[in-house]
PDB file of N, CA and C in Angstrom:
ATOM      1  N   MET A   1      -6.017  -3.069  -7.672  1.00  0.00           N
ATOM      2  CA  MET A   1      -5.019  -2.905  -8.706  1.00  0.00           C
ATOM      3  C   MET A   1      -4.933  -1.450  -9.133  1.00  0.00           C
ATOM      4  N   ASP A   2      -6.090  -0.831  -9.354  1.00  0.00           N
ATOM      5  CA  ASP A   2      -6.097   0.571  -9.769  1.00  0.00           C
ATOM      6  C   ASP A   2      -5.438   1.470  -8.732  1.00  0.00           C
ATOM      7  N   ALA A   3      -5.629   1.158  -7.445  1.00  0.00           N
ATOM      8  CA  ALA A   3      -5.032   1.970  -6.389  1.00  0.00           C
ATOM      9  C   ALA A   3      -3.510   1.905  -6.455  1.00  0.00           C
ATOM     10  N   GLY A   4      -2.968   0.732  -6.710  1.00  0.00           N
ATOM     11  CA  GLY A   4      -1.517   0.579  -6.818  1.00  0.00           C
ATOM     12  C   GLY A   4      -0.947   1.356  -7.994  1.00  0.00           C
ATOM     13  N   ILE A   5      -1.648   1.318  -9.100  1.00  0.00           N
ATOM     14  CA  ILE A   5      -1.205   2.061 -10.281  1.00  0.00           C
ATOM     15  C   ILE A   5      -1.277   3.556 -10.008  1.00  0.00           C
ATOM     16  N   GLU A   6      -2.331   3.993  -9.356  1.00  0.00           N
ATOM     17  CA  GLU A   6      -2.489   5.416  -9.038  1.00  0.00           C
ATOM     18  C   GLU A   6      -1.364   5.906  -8.129  1.00  0.00           C
ATOM     19  N   VAL A   7      -1.024   5.121  -7.115  1.00  0.00           N
ATOM     20  CA  VAL A   7       0.062   5.496  -6.207  1.00  0.00           C
ATOM     21  C   VAL A   7       1.380   5.565  -6.974  1.00  0.00           C
ATOM     22  N   HIS A   8       1.642   4.608  -7.825  1.00  0.00           N
ATOM     23  CA  HIS A   8       2.892   4.603  -8.580  1.00  0.00           C
ATOM     24  C   HIS A   8       2.963   5.786  -9.537  1.00  0.00           C
ATOM     25  N   ARG A   9       1.859   6.120 -10.171  1.00  0.00           N
ATOM     26  CA  ARG A   9       1.831   7.283 -11.069  1.00  0.00           C
ATOM     27  C   ARG A   9       2.121   8.569 -10.311  1.00  0.00           C
ATOM     28  N   ALA A  10       1.546   8.693  -9.120  1.00  0.00           N
ATOM     29  CA  ALA A  10       1.717   9.911  -8.331  1.00  0.00           C
ATOM     30  C   ALA A  10       3.133  10.047  -7.785  1.00  0.00           C
ATOM     31  N   LEU A  11       3.743   8.929  -7.389  1.00  0.00           N
ATOM     32  CA  LEU A  11       5.044   8.979  -6.732  1.00  0.00           C
ATOM     33  C   LEU A  11       6.213   8.721  -7.672  1.00  0.00           C
ATOM     34  N   GLY A  12       5.948   8.018  -8.752  1.00  0.00           N
ATOM     35  CA  GLY A  12       7.054   7.640  -9.634  1.00  0.00           C
ATOM     36  C   GLY A  12       7.767   6.410  -9.096  1.00  0.00           C
ATOM     37  N   PHE A  13       8.952   6.172  -9.597  1.00  0.00           N
ATOM     38  CA  PHE A  13       9.704   4.989  -9.177  1.00  0.00           C
ATOM     39  C   PHE A  13      10.897   5.399  -8.322  1.00  0.00           C
ATOM     40  N   GLY A  14      11.502   4.424  -7.666  1.00  0.00           N
ATOM     41  CA  GLY A  14      12.730   4.662  -6.924  1.00  0.00           C
ATOM     42  C   GLY A  14      12.572   4.841  -5.428  1.00  0.00           C
ATOM     43  N   LEU A  15      11.359   4.732  -4.912  1.00  0.00           N
ATOM     44  CA  LEU A  15      11.176   4.866  -3.469  1.00  0.00           C
ATOM     45  C   LEU A  15      11.327   3.508  -2.787  1.00  0.00           C
ATOM     46  N   LEU A  16      11.472   3.549  -1.484  1.00  0.00           N
ATOM     47  CA  LEU A  16      11.532   2.314  -0.721  1.00  0.00           C
ATOM     48  C   LEU A  16      10.163   1.643  -0.695  1.00  0.00           C
ATOM     49  N   GLU A  17      10.178   0.345  -0.553  1.00  0.00           N
ATOM     50  CA  GLU A  17       8.924  -0.410  -0.498  1.00  0.00           C
ATOM     51  C   GLU A  17       8.025   0.090   0.623  1.00  0.00           C
ATOM     52  N   SER A  18       8.622   0.428   1.764  1.00  0.00           N
ATOM     53  CA  SER A  18       7.837   0.895   2.908  1.00  0.00           C
ATOM     54  C   SER A  18       7.124   2.211   2.602  1.00  0.00           C
ATOM     55  N   GLU A  19       7.728   3.057   1.788  1.00  0.00           N
ATOM     56  CA  GLU A  19       7.089   4.321   1.412  1.00  0.00           C
ATOM     57  C   GLU A  19       5.883   4.068   0.505  1.00  0.00           C
ATOM     58  N   TYR A  20       6.041   3.180  -0.458  1.00  0.00           N
ATOM     59  CA  TYR A  20       4.912   2.807  -1.309  1.00  0.00           C
ATOM     60  C   TYR A  20       3.803   2.181  -0.472  1.00  0.00           C
ATOM     61  N   GLN A  21       4.181   1.339   0.476  1.00  0.00           N
ATOM     62  CA  GLN A  21       3.198   0.660   1.313  1.00  0.00           C
ATOM     63  C   GLN A  21       2.365   1.670   2.096  1.00  0.00           C
ATOM     64  N   GLU A  22       3.003   2.668   2.692  1.00  0.00           N
ATOM     65  CA  GLU A  22       2.271   3.676   3.459  1.00  0.00           C
ATOM     66  C   GLU A  22       1.311   4.461   2.570  1.00  0.00           C
ATOM     67  N   CYS A  23       1.754   4.808   1.383  1.00  0.00           N
ATOM     68  CA  CYS A  23       0.901   5.565   0.463  1.00  0.00           C
ATOM     69  C   CYS A  23      -0.252   4.706  -0.047  1.00  0.00           C
ATOM     70  N   LEU A  24       0.007   3.440  -0.289  1.00  0.00           N
ATOM     71  CA  LEU A  24      -1.050   2.543  -0.732  1.00  0.00           C
ATOM     72  C   LEU A  24      -2.068   2.325   0.392  1.00  0.00           C
ATOM     73  N   LEU A  25      -1.597   2.231   1.611  1.00  0.00           N
ATOM     74  CA  LEU A  25      -2.488   2.121   2.763  1.00  0.00           C
ATOM     75  C   LEU A  25      -3.403   3.342   2.835  1.00  0.00           C
ATOM     76  N   PHE A  26      -2.841   4.521   2.649  1.00  0.00           N
ATOM     77  CA  PHE A  26      -3.635   5.752   2.641  1.00  0.00           C
ATOM     78  C   PHE A  26      -4.673   5.710   1.526  1.00  0.00           C
ATOM     79  N   GLU A  27      -4.269   5.279   0.337  1.00  0.00           N
ATOM     80  CA  GLU A  27      -5.176   5.210  -0.815  1.00  0.00           C
ATOM     81  C   GLU A  27      -6.317   4.230  -0.551  1.00  0.00           C
ATOM     82  N   PHE A  28      -6.013   3.071   0.032  1.00  0.00           N
ATOM     83  CA  PHE A  28      -7.054   2.094   0.353  1.00  0.00           C
ATOM     84  C   PHE A  28      -8.067   2.686   1.337  1.00  0.00           C
ATOM     85  N   LYS A  29      -7.565   3.364   2.368  1.00  0.00           N
ATOM     86  CA  LYS A  29      -8.455   3.969   3.359  1.00  0.00           C
ATOM     87  C   LYS A  29      -9.289   5.073   2.718  1.00  0.00           C
ATOM     88  N   TYR A  30      -8.703   5.832   1.823  1.00  0.00           N
ATOM     89  CA  TYR A  30      -9.420   6.877   1.095  1.00  0.00           C
ATOM     90  C   TYR A  30     -10.577   6.275   0.293  1.00  0.00           C
ATOM     91  N   LEU A  31     -10.355   5.078  -0.239  1.00  0.00           N
ATOM     92  CA  LEU A  31     -11.389   4.386  -1.007  1.00  0.00           C
ATOM     93  C   LEU A  31     -12.429   3.703  -0.124  1.00  0.00           C
ATOM     94  N   GLY A  32     -12.241   3.797   1.194  1.00  0.00           N
ATOM     95  CA  GLY A  32     -13.211   3.225   2.123  1.00  0.00           C
ATOM     96  C   GLY A  32     -12.971   1.764   2.456  1.00  0.00           C
ATOM     97  N   LEU A  33     -11.790   1.261   2.150  1.00  0.00           N
ATOM     98  CA  LEU A  33     -11.469  -0.137   2.431  1.00  0.00           C
ATOM     99  C   LEU A  33     -10.862  -0.285   3.819  1.00  0.00           C
ATOM    100  N   GLN A  34     -11.163  -1.379   4.473  1.00  0.00           N
ATOM    101  CA  GLN A  34     -10.522  -1.691   5.743  1.00  0.00           C
ATOM    102  C   GLN A  34      -9.244  -2.459   5.447  1.00  0.00           C
ATOM    103  N   VAL A  35      -8.159  -2.070   6.100  1.00  0.00           N
ATOM    104  CA  VAL A  35      -6.857  -2.644   5.794  1.00  0.00           C
ATOM    105  C   VAL A  35      -6.169  -3.110   7.071  1.00  0.00           C
ATOM    106  N   ILE A  36      -5.589  -4.278   7.012  1.00  0.00           N
ATOM    107  CA  ILE A  36      -4.751  -4.799   8.091  1.00  0.00           C
ATOM    108  C   ILE A  36      -3.363  -5.002   7.489  1.00  0.00           C
ATOM    109  N   THR A  37      -2.356  -4.433   8.130  1.00  0.00           N
ATOM    110  CA  THR A  37      -0.999  -4.540   7.582  1.00  0.00           C
ATOM    111  C   THR A  37      -0.081  -5.305   8.510  1.00  0.00           C
ATOM    112  N   GLN A  38       0.900  -5.917   7.942  1.00  0.00           N
ATOM    113  CA  GLN A  38       1.992  -6.569   8.657  1.00  0.00           C
ATOM    114  C   GLN A  38       1.516  -7.497   9.787  1.00  0.00           C
ATOM    115  N   ARG A  39       0.629  -8.412   9.446  1.00  0.00           N
ATOM    116  CA  ARG A  39       0.160  -9.384  10.420  1.00  0.00           C
ATOM    117  C   ARG A  39       1.193 -10.488  10.569  1.00  0.00           C
ATOM    118  N   CYS A  40       1.302 -10.990  11.771  1.00  0.00           N
ATOM    119  CA  CYS A  40       2.202 -12.115  12.038  1.00  0.00           C
ATOM    120  C   CYS A  40       1.515 -13.404  11.612  1.00  0.00           C
ATOM    121  N   ALA A  41       2.289 -14.314  11.093  1.00  0.00           N
ATOM    122  CA  ALA A  41       1.757 -15.604  10.669  1.00  0.00           C
ATOM    123  C   ALA A  41       2.661 -16.709  11.210  1.00  0.00           C
ATOM    124  N   LYS A  42       2.050 -17.726  11.762  1.00  0.00           N
ATOM    125  CA  LYS A  42       2.825 -18.873  12.240  1.00  0.00           C
ATOM    126  C   LYS A  42       3.214 -19.735  11.052  1.00  0.00           C
ATOM    127  N   ILE A  43       4.445 -20.147  11.026  1.00  0.00           N
ATOM    128  CA  ILE A  43       4.942 -21.023   9.972  1.00  0.00           C
ATOM    129  C   ILE A  43       5.345 -22.345  10.602  1.00  0.00           C
ATOM    130  N   HIS A  44       4.794 -23.418  10.112  1.00  0.00           N
ATOM    131  CA  HIS A  44       5.081 -24.745  10.679  1.00  0.00           C
ATOM    132  C   HIS A  44       6.054 -25.470   9.808  1.00  0.00           C
TER     133      HIS A  44
END
């Protein structure tokens, strides 16, 4: 949660979701977290 708030504070509002996602991914990796993005999921 803190990482998301930090990214939003740094970037402000009005960007595309994909831009926020890339910056949040960077922030998570900076914090030492392993991240998997955009995984496919089967829907039945």
